[in-house]
Amino acid sequence: MVEEKKFYLTKEGLARIKKEQEALKDLMLAKTRGESPKVMHSEDLNPEYLAFQEDMNFLQKRVSELANILKNIELIKLPKKGKKQIVDLGATIMAEIDGELDEFKIVGTLEADPASHRISNESPIGQAILGKKVGETVVIKTPLVNHSCKIIKIKYSEA
């Protein structure tokens, strides 16, 4: 049996996924409530019907994807008191990367947004620093260049 992929989410990320799923279900219901386009338009397939079917297929696929995510989530929680000095999911990290200070939060792939300083645990940086402590320096290997990353500070918060 194939092991299902775990999706790591914060409470906010979980709420966002549930909200999207409900909105899509409501949209599907609204689309099917009215009169749907007829399959045939004279002797050709009705373009309105084809567009309707394409929309419904897209919505059904996305609702199924979200259901799979919700079935396989693991909520990111605060670590126990003795583990707060180790980088894990949910940690906000102050690091010196190639001589420049940067701060970012380690999140699951679904919530990653580098522009908002939220990086995935599966990214090269995320993978390299998970399990590390303040003061440790790691080399982050990317296809183009390797970076030196020294962990300056680790903090955890509810949000």
N, C-alpha and C. Protein backbone atom coordinates (compact mmCIF):
# COMPACT_ATOMS: atom_id res chain seq x y z
N MET A 1 0.84 -1.19 0.00
CA MET A 1 0.00 0.00 0.00
C MET A 1 0.88 1.25 0.00
N VAL A 2 0.52 2.23 -0.79
CA VAL A 2 1.28 3.47 -0.89
C VAL A 2 0.96 4.34 0.33
N GLU A 3 2.01 4.84 0.96
CA GLU A 3 1.81 5.71 2.12
C GLU A 3 1.36 7.08 1.64
N GLU A 4 0.31 7.59 2.28
CA GLU A 4 -0.20 8.92 1.94
C GLU A 4 0.78 9.98 2.40
N LYS A 5 0.89 11.04 1.62
CA LYS A 5 1.76 12.16 1.99
C LYS A 5 1.09 12.95 3.11
N LYS A 6 1.86 13.32 4.12
CA LYS A 6 1.37 14.16 5.21
C LYS A 6 1.46 15.61 4.77
N PHE A 7 0.44 16.38 5.11
CA PHE A 7 0.42 17.81 4.84
C PHE A 7 0.47 18.53 6.18
N TYR A 8 1.52 19.30 6.41
CA TYR A 8 1.69 20.02 7.67
C TYR A 8 1.08 21.40 7.53
N LEU A 9 0.15 21.72 8.44
CA LEU A 9 -0.55 23.00 8.39
C LEU A 9 -0.61 23.66 9.76
N THR A 10 -0.59 24.98 9.74
CA THR A 10 -0.87 25.73 10.96
C THR A 10 -2.39 25.76 11.11
N LYS A 11 -2.88 26.26 12.26
CA LYS A 11 -4.33 26.38 12.46
C LYS A 11 -4.94 27.29 11.39
N GLU A 12 -4.22 28.37 11.06
CA GLU A 12 -4.71 29.30 10.05
C GLU A 12 -4.76 28.64 8.68
N GLY A 13 -3.76 27.86 8.36
CA GLY A 13 -3.73 27.15 7.08
C GLY A 13 -4.86 26.14 6.97
N LEU A 14 -5.15 25.44 8.06
CA LEU A 14 -6.25 24.48 8.08
C LEU A 14 -7.57 25.20 7.86
N ALA A 15 -7.78 26.32 8.53
CA ALA A 15 -9.01 27.09 8.38
C ALA A 15 -9.16 27.57 6.93
N ARG A 16 -8.06 28.01 6.32
CA ARG A 16 -8.09 28.49 4.93
C ARG A 16 -8.48 27.37 3.96
N ILE A 17 -7.93 26.16 4.17
CA ILE A 17 -8.25 25.02 3.31
C ILE A 17 -9.72 24.64 3.45
N LYS A 18 -10.21 24.59 4.69
CA LYS A 18 -11.63 24.26 4.91
C LYS A 18 -12.55 25.30 4.27
N LYS A 19 -12.19 26.57 4.39
CA LYS A 19 -12.99 27.64 3.82
C LYS A 19 -13.03 27.53 2.29
N GLU A 20 -11.88 27.24 1.68
CA GLU A 20 -11.83 27.09 0.22
C GLU A 20 -12.69 25.92 -0.22
N GLN A 21 -12.60 24.80 0.50
CA GLN A 21 -13.39 23.62 0.14
C GLN A 21 -14.89 23.92 0.21
N GLU A 22 -15.33 24.58 1.27
CA GLU A 22 -16.74 24.93 1.41
C GLU A 22 -17.19 25.89 0.29
N ALA A 23 -16.36 26.87 -0.03
CA ALA A 23 -16.70 27.82 -1.08
C ALA A 23 -16.84 27.12 -2.43
N LEU A 24 -15.95 26.16 -2.71
CA LEU A 24 -16.03 25.43 -3.98
C LEU A 24 -17.26 24.54 -4.03
N LYS A 25 -17.60 23.91 -2.91
CA LYS A 25 -18.81 23.08 -2.86
C LYS A 25 -20.04 23.95 -3.10
N ASP A 26 -20.07 25.13 -2.48
CA ASP A 26 -21.19 26.06 -2.67
C ASP A 26 -21.29 26.49 -4.14
N LEU A 27 -20.14 26.75 -4.75
CA LEU A 27 -20.13 27.16 -6.16
C LEU A 27 -20.65 26.04 -7.06
N MET A 28 -20.22 24.80 -6.78
CA MET A 28 -20.70 23.66 -7.56
C MET A 28 -22.21 23.52 -7.43
N LEU A 29 -22.71 23.67 -6.22
CA LEU A 29 -24.14 23.57 -5.98
C LEU A 29 -24.89 24.67 -6.72
N ALA A 30 -24.38 25.88 -6.68
CA ALA A 30 -25.01 27.00 -7.36
C ALA A 30 -25.03 26.78 -8.88
N LYS A 31 -23.95 26.21 -9.42
CA LYS A 31 -23.88 25.98 -10.86
C LYS A 31 -24.87 24.90 -11.31
N THR A 32 -25.14 23.92 -10.46
CA THR A 32 -26.03 22.83 -10.84
C THR A 32 -27.49 23.12 -10.51
N ARG A 33 -27.75 24.14 -9.71
CA ARG A 33 -29.13 24.50 -9.34
C ARG A 33 -29.92 25.03 -10.53
N GLY A 34 -29.27 25.87 -11.29
CA GLY A 34 -29.96 26.47 -12.44
C GLY A 34 -30.10 25.47 -13.57
N GLU A 35 -30.57 25.95 -14.68
CA GLU A 35 -30.71 25.08 -15.84
C GLU A 35 -29.33 24.91 -16.48
N SER A 36 -28.90 23.68 -16.61
CA SER A 36 -27.60 23.44 -17.23
C SER A 36 -27.76 23.46 -18.74
N PRO A 37 -26.69 23.83 -19.45
CA PRO A 37 -26.75 23.90 -20.92
C PRO A 37 -27.04 22.52 -21.52
N LYS A 38 -27.72 22.51 -22.63
CA LYS A 38 -28.03 21.26 -23.33
C LYS A 38 -26.79 20.73 -24.02
N VAL A 39 -26.71 19.38 -24.11
CA VAL A 39 -25.54 18.75 -24.72
C VAL A 39 -25.43 19.12 -26.19
N MET A 40 -26.52 19.01 -26.91
CA MET A 40 -26.47 19.25 -28.35
C MET A 40 -27.03 20.63 -28.69
N HIS A 41 -26.41 21.25 -29.63
CA HIS A 41 -26.87 22.52 -30.18
C HIS A 41 -26.90 22.29 -31.68
N SER A 42 -28.04 22.06 -32.22
CA SER A 42 -28.25 21.57 -33.58
C SER A 42 -27.53 20.23 -33.69
N GLU A 43 -26.59 20.08 -34.60
CA GLU A 43 -25.91 18.79 -34.75
C GLU A 43 -24.55 18.77 -34.06
N ASP A 44 -24.10 19.89 -33.53
CA ASP A 44 -22.80 19.97 -32.88
C ASP A 44 -22.96 19.99 -31.36
N LEU A 45 -21.88 19.64 -30.69
CA LEU A 45 -21.89 19.77 -29.24
C LEU A 45 -21.97 21.24 -28.87
N ASN A 46 -22.78 21.55 -27.90
CA ASN A 46 -22.99 22.92 -27.46
C ASN A 46 -21.74 23.42 -26.73
N PRO A 47 -21.11 24.53 -27.20
CA PRO A 47 -19.92 25.06 -26.53
C PRO A 47 -20.19 25.46 -25.08
N GLU A 48 -21.41 25.93 -24.80
CA GLU A 48 -21.76 26.28 -23.42
C GLU A 48 -21.73 25.04 -22.54
N TYR A 49 -22.22 23.92 -23.07
CA TYR A 49 -22.23 22.67 -22.32
C TYR A 49 -20.79 22.22 -22.05
N LEU A 50 -19.94 22.31 -23.07
CA LEU A 50 -18.54 21.90 -22.90
C LEU A 50 -17.84 22.75 -21.84
N ALA A 51 -18.09 24.06 -21.85
CA ALA A 51 -17.50 24.95 -20.85
C ALA A 51 -18.03 24.62 -19.46
N PHE A 52 -19.33 24.33 -19.36
CA PHE A 52 -19.95 23.95 -18.09
C PHE A 52 -19.29 22.68 -17.55
N GLN A 53 -19.15 21.67 -18.40
CA GLN A 53 -18.53 20.41 -17.99
C GLN A 53 -17.07 20.62 -17.55
N GLU A 54 -16.35 21.45 -18.28
CA GLU A 54 -14.95 21.74 -17.94
C GLU A 54 -14.87 22.41 -16.57
N ASP A 55 -15.75 23.38 -16.34
CA ASP A 55 -15.79 24.05 -15.02
C ASP A 55 -16.10 23.06 -13.91
N MET A 56 -17.10 22.21 -14.13
CA MET A 56 -17.50 21.25 -13.10
C MET A 56 -16.38 20.24 -12.83
N ASN A 57 -15.71 19.80 -13.86
CA ASN A 57 -14.60 18.86 -13.68
C ASN A 57 -13.47 19.50 -12.87
N PHE A 58 -13.17 20.77 -13.20
CA PHE A 58 -12.13 21.48 -12.46
C PHE A 58 -12.51 21.60 -10.98
N LEU A 59 -13.75 22.02 -10.71
CA LEU A 59 -14.21 22.18 -9.34
C LEU A 59 -14.19 20.85 -8.58
N GLN A 60 -14.67 19.79 -9.22
CA GLN A 60 -14.68 18.47 -8.57
C GLN A 60 -13.26 18.00 -8.25
N LYS A 61 -12.35 18.23 -9.18
CA LYS A 61 -10.96 17.82 -8.95
C LYS A 61 -10.35 18.58 -7.77
N ARG A 62 -10.58 19.89 -7.71
CA ARG A 62 -10.03 20.69 -6.61
C ARG A 62 -10.66 20.31 -5.27
N VAL A 63 -11.96 20.06 -5.24
CA VAL A 63 -12.62 19.63 -4.00
C VAL A 63 -12.03 18.29 -3.54
N SER A 64 -11.77 17.39 -4.48
CA SER A 64 -11.16 16.09 -4.14
C SER A 64 -9.75 16.27 -3.59
N GLU A 65 -8.97 17.17 -4.21
CA GLU A 65 -7.62 17.45 -3.73
C GLU A 65 -7.66 17.97 -2.29
N LEU A 66 -8.58 18.91 -2.03
CA LEU A 66 -8.70 19.47 -0.68
C LEU A 66 -9.15 18.41 0.32
N ALA A 67 -10.05 17.52 -0.09
CA ALA A 67 -10.50 16.44 0.80
C ALA A 67 -9.32 15.53 1.15
N ASN A 68 -8.46 15.25 0.17
CA ASN A 68 -7.28 14.43 0.42
C ASN A 68 -6.32 15.13 1.39
N ILE A 69 -6.15 16.43 1.21
CA ILE A 69 -5.29 17.20 2.12
C ILE A 69 -5.85 17.12 3.53
N LEU A 70 -7.15 17.37 3.67
CA LEU A 70 -7.78 17.37 5.00
C LEU A 70 -7.72 15.99 5.66
N LYS A 71 -7.74 14.96 4.84
CA LYS A 71 -7.66 13.59 5.36
C LYS A 71 -6.25 13.27 5.87
N ASN A 72 -5.25 13.97 5.33
CA ASN A 72 -3.85 13.63 5.63
C ASN A 72 -3.08 14.77 6.28
N ILE A 73 -3.75 15.62 7.06
CA ILE A 73 -3.04 16.74 7.67
C ILE A 73 -2.45 16.34 9.01
N GLU A 74 -1.42 17.06 9.34
CA GLU A 74 -0.86 17.02 10.68
C GLU A 74 -0.70 18.47 11.10
N LEU A 75 -1.37 18.84 12.17
CA LEU A 75 -1.34 20.21 12.65
C LEU A 75 0.02 20.52 13.25
N ILE A 76 0.59 21.67 12.89
CA ILE A 76 1.86 22.11 13.45
C ILE A 76 1.58 22.62 14.86
N LYS A 77 2.24 22.02 15.83
CA LYS A 77 2.02 22.39 17.23
C LYS A 77 3.32 22.91 17.84
N LEU A 78 3.17 23.63 18.95
CA LEU A 78 4.36 24.08 19.68
C LEU A 78 5.09 22.86 20.23
N PRO A 79 6.41 22.85 20.16
CA PRO A 79 7.15 21.73 20.72
C PRO A 79 7.12 21.77 22.26
N LYS A 80 7.44 20.65 22.86
CA LYS A 80 7.54 20.60 24.32
C LYS A 80 8.65 21.54 24.77
N LYS A 81 8.58 21.94 26.03
CA LYS A 81 9.52 22.94 26.56
C LYS A 81 10.98 22.59 26.27
N GLY A 82 11.37 21.37 26.44
CA GLY A 82 12.76 20.96 26.23
C GLY A 82 13.20 20.93 24.78
N LYS A 83 12.27 21.03 23.85
CA LYS A 83 12.59 20.94 22.42
C LYS A 83 12.54 22.29 21.71
N LYS A 84 12.28 23.38 22.45
CA LYS A 84 12.14 24.69 21.82
C LYS A 84 13.46 25.29 21.34
N GLN A 85 14.58 24.69 21.68
CA GLN A 85 15.87 25.21 21.22
C GLN A 85 16.33 24.48 19.95
N ILE A 86 15.43 23.65 19.39
CA ILE A 86 15.73 22.90 18.16
C ILE A 86 14.78 23.36 17.05
N VAL A 87 15.30 23.57 15.86
CA VAL A 87 14.49 24.00 14.72
C VAL A 87 13.53 22.88 14.31
N ASP A 88 12.25 23.24 14.24
CA ASP A 88 11.22 22.31 13.80
C ASP A 88 10.14 23.12 13.08
N LEU A 89 9.14 22.43 12.57
CA LEU A 89 8.02 23.11 11.92
C LEU A 89 7.38 24.10 12.89
N GLY A 90 7.06 25.28 12.39
CA GLY A 90 6.45 26.32 13.20
C GLY A 90 7.45 27.28 13.81
N ALA A 91 8.73 26.98 13.72
CA ALA A 91 9.76 27.85 14.29
C ALA A 91 10.01 29.06 13.40
N THR A 92 10.23 30.20 14.05
CA THR A 92 10.68 31.39 13.34
C THR A 92 12.18 31.48 13.61
N ILE A 93 12.94 31.57 12.55
CA ILE A 93 14.40 31.50 12.63
C ILE A 93 15.01 32.82 12.22
N MET A 94 15.98 33.27 13.02
CA MET A 94 16.84 34.38 12.63
C MET A 94 18.15 33.69 12.24
N ALA A 95 18.57 33.91 11.02
CA ALA A 95 19.78 33.24 10.54
C ALA A 95 20.66 34.21 9.76
N GLU A 96 21.93 33.91 9.76
CA GLU A 96 22.89 34.65 8.95
C GLU A 96 23.21 33.76 7.76
N ILE A 97 22.76 34.20 6.58
CA ILE A 97 22.98 33.42 5.36
C ILE A 97 23.94 34.19 4.48
N ASP A 98 25.09 33.62 4.29
CA ASP A 98 26.16 34.25 3.49
C ASP A 98 26.42 35.68 3.96
N GLY A 99 26.45 35.88 5.27
CA GLY A 99 26.80 37.18 5.84
C GLY A 99 25.64 38.14 6.02
N GLU A 100 24.44 37.79 5.57
CA GLU A 100 23.28 38.68 5.70
C GLU A 100 22.25 38.06 6.63
N LEU A 101 21.68 38.89 7.52
CA LEU A 101 20.65 38.41 8.43
C LEU A 101 19.32 38.26 7.71
N ASP A 102 18.61 37.20 8.04
CA ASP A 102 17.29 36.95 7.46
C ASP A 102 16.44 36.26 8.51
N GLU A 103 15.14 36.53 8.49
CA GLU A 103 14.22 35.89 9.42
C GLU A 103 13.11 35.24 8.62
N PHE A 104 12.76 34.00 8.96
CA PHE A 104 11.72 33.29 8.24
C PHE A 104 11.12 32.23 9.15
N LYS A 105 9.93 31.78 8.76
CA LYS A 105 9.22 30.76 9.52
C LYS A 105 9.21 29.47 8.71
N ILE A 106 9.41 28.34 9.40
CA ILE A 106 9.37 27.03 8.75
C ILE A 106 7.94 26.52 8.79
N VAL A 107 7.35 26.28 7.61
CA VAL A 107 5.98 25.80 7.50
C VAL A 107 5.93 24.62 6.53
N GLY A 108 4.77 23.99 6.41
CA GLY A 108 4.58 22.92 5.43
C GLY A 108 4.52 23.50 4.03
N THR A 109 4.61 22.65 3.03
CA THR A 109 4.67 23.10 1.64
C THR A 109 3.43 23.89 1.20
N LEU A 110 2.27 23.57 1.75
CA LEU A 110 1.04 24.25 1.33
C LEU A 110 0.98 25.70 1.78
N GLU A 111 1.75 26.04 2.82
CA GLU A 111 1.72 27.41 3.33
C GLU A 111 2.99 28.19 2.99
N ALA A 112 3.90 27.57 2.28
CA ALA A 112 5.15 28.23 1.94
C ALA A 112 4.90 29.44 1.05
N ASP A 113 5.58 30.53 1.36
CA ASP A 113 5.49 31.77 0.59
C ASP A 113 6.76 32.58 0.87
N PRO A 114 7.81 32.34 0.09
CA PRO A 114 9.08 33.02 0.36
C PRO A 114 8.97 34.54 0.43
N ALA A 115 8.06 35.15 -0.33
CA ALA A 115 7.90 36.60 -0.29
C ALA A 115 7.41 37.07 1.08
N SER A 116 6.71 36.18 1.81
CA SER A 116 6.22 36.50 3.16
C SER A 116 7.12 35.89 4.24
N HIS A 117 8.30 35.45 3.86
CA HIS A 117 9.26 34.85 4.78
C HIS A 117 8.71 33.58 5.44
N ARG A 118 8.01 32.77 4.66
CA ARG A 118 7.49 31.49 5.13
C ARG A 118 8.06 30.44 4.18
N ILE A 119 8.99 29.63 4.68
CA ILE A 119 9.64 28.66 3.80
C ILE A 119 9.23 27.24 4.18
N SER A 120 9.22 26.40 3.18
CA SER A 120 8.80 25.02 3.33
C SER A 120 9.86 24.18 4.05
N ASN A 121 9.37 23.23 4.83
CA ASN A 121 10.26 22.26 5.45
C ASN A 121 10.93 21.38 4.41
N GLU A 122 10.42 21.36 3.18
CA GLU A 122 10.99 20.54 2.11
C GLU A 122 11.94 21.33 1.21
N SER A 123 12.05 22.65 1.44
CA SER A 123 12.96 23.48 0.65
C SER A 123 14.41 23.16 1.06
N PRO A 124 15.39 23.55 0.25
CA PRO A 124 16.79 23.30 0.63
C PRO A 124 17.15 23.90 2.00
N ILE A 125 16.69 25.13 2.27
CA ILE A 125 16.99 25.75 3.57
C ILE A 125 16.27 24.99 4.68
N GLY A 126 14.97 24.73 4.48
CA GLY A 126 14.18 24.03 5.48
C GLY A 126 14.78 22.68 5.84
N GLN A 127 15.13 21.91 4.83
CA GLN A 127 15.72 20.59 5.05
C GLN A 127 17.04 20.69 5.81
N ALA A 128 17.85 21.68 5.45
CA ALA A 128 19.19 21.81 6.04
C ALA A 128 19.15 22.20 7.52
N ILE A 129 18.17 23.02 7.92
CA ILE A 129 18.20 23.52 9.30
C ILE A 129 17.28 22.77 10.26
N LEU A 130 16.38 21.93 9.77
CA LEU A 130 15.53 21.16 10.68
C LEU A 130 16.41 20.33 11.62
N GLY A 131 16.12 20.40 12.91
CA GLY A 131 16.86 19.63 13.90
C GLY A 131 18.11 20.33 14.42
N LYS A 132 18.42 21.50 13.89
CA LYS A 132 19.63 22.23 14.31
C LYS A 132 19.33 23.15 15.49
N LYS A 133 20.40 23.63 16.14
CA LYS A 133 20.27 24.50 17.31
C LYS A 133 20.95 25.85 17.04
N VAL A 134 20.66 26.81 17.93
CA VAL A 134 21.29 28.12 17.85
C VAL A 134 22.81 27.95 17.87
N GLY A 135 23.49 28.70 17.00
CA GLY A 135 24.94 28.66 16.92
C GLY A 135 25.47 27.69 15.88
N GLU A 136 24.65 26.74 15.46
CA GLU A 136 25.10 25.77 14.45
C GLU A 136 25.12 26.42 13.07
N THR A 137 26.10 26.02 12.28
CA THR A 137 26.21 26.48 10.91
C THR A 137 26.05 25.28 10.00
N VAL A 138 25.23 25.44 8.96
CA VAL A 138 25.01 24.37 8.00
C VAL A 138 25.28 24.89 6.60
N VAL A 139 25.57 23.99 5.69
CA VAL A 139 25.75 24.34 4.29
C VAL A 139 24.48 23.94 3.57
N ILE A 140 23.88 24.91 2.89
CA ILE A 140 22.66 24.67 2.14
C ILE A 140 23.06 24.47 0.68
N LYS A 141 22.79 23.27 0.19
CA LYS A 141 23.18 22.92 -1.17
C LYS A 141 22.01 23.15 -2.11
N THR A 142 22.24 23.98 -3.12
CA THR A 142 21.25 24.21 -4.17
C THR A 142 21.90 23.83 -5.49
N PRO A 143 21.11 23.67 -6.54
CA PRO A 143 21.70 23.29 -7.83
C PRO A 143 22.76 24.28 -8.35
N LEU A 144 22.60 25.57 -8.03
CA LEU A 144 23.52 26.56 -8.57
C LEU A 144 24.66 26.93 -7.64
N VAL A 145 24.38 27.03 -6.33
CA VAL A 145 25.40 27.51 -5.40
C VAL A 145 25.13 26.95 -4.01
N ASN A 146 26.18 26.86 -3.21
CA ASN A 146 26.03 26.44 -1.82
C ASN A 146 26.08 27.68 -0.93
N HIS A 147 25.24 27.69 0.09
CA HIS A 147 25.17 28.83 1.01
C HIS A 147 25.54 28.37 2.42
N SER A 148 26.17 29.27 3.16
CA SER A 148 26.47 29.03 4.57
C SER A 148 25.36 29.68 5.39
N CYS A 149 24.80 28.92 6.34
CA CYS A 149 23.69 29.42 7.15
C CYS A 149 23.99 29.15 8.63
N LYS A 150 24.09 30.24 9.41
CA LYS A 150 24.30 30.12 10.84
C LYS A 150 23.02 30.51 11.55
N ILE A 151 22.54 29.65 12.43
CA ILE A 151 21.30 29.91 13.16
C ILE A 151 21.61 30.82 14.34
N ILE A 152 20.96 31.99 14.36
CA ILE A 152 21.17 33.00 15.37
C ILE A 152 20.14 32.89 16.50
N LYS A 153 18.88 32.67 16.11
CA LYS A 153 17.80 32.66 17.11
C LYS A 153 16.67 31.74 16.62
N ILE A 154 16.03 31.04 17.57
CA ILE A 154 14.87 30.20 17.27
C ILE A 154 13.76 30.63 18.22
N LYS A 155 12.59 30.90 17.67
CA LYS A 155 11.46 31.21 18.56
C LYS A 155 10.19 30.55 18.01
N TYR A 156 9.32 30.20 18.93
CA TYR A 156 8.04 29.59 18.59
C TYR A 156 6.93 30.47 19.14
N SER A 157 5.82 30.55 18.40
CA SER A 157 4.66 31.28 18.88
C SER A 157 3.42 30.51 18.44
N GLU A 158 2.28 30.83 19.04
CA GLU A 158 1.03 30.14 18.71
C GLU A 158 0.63 30.33 17.25
N ALA A 159 0.82 31.52 16.72
CA ALA A 159 0.35 31.80 15.34
C ALA A 159 1.38 31.39 14.31
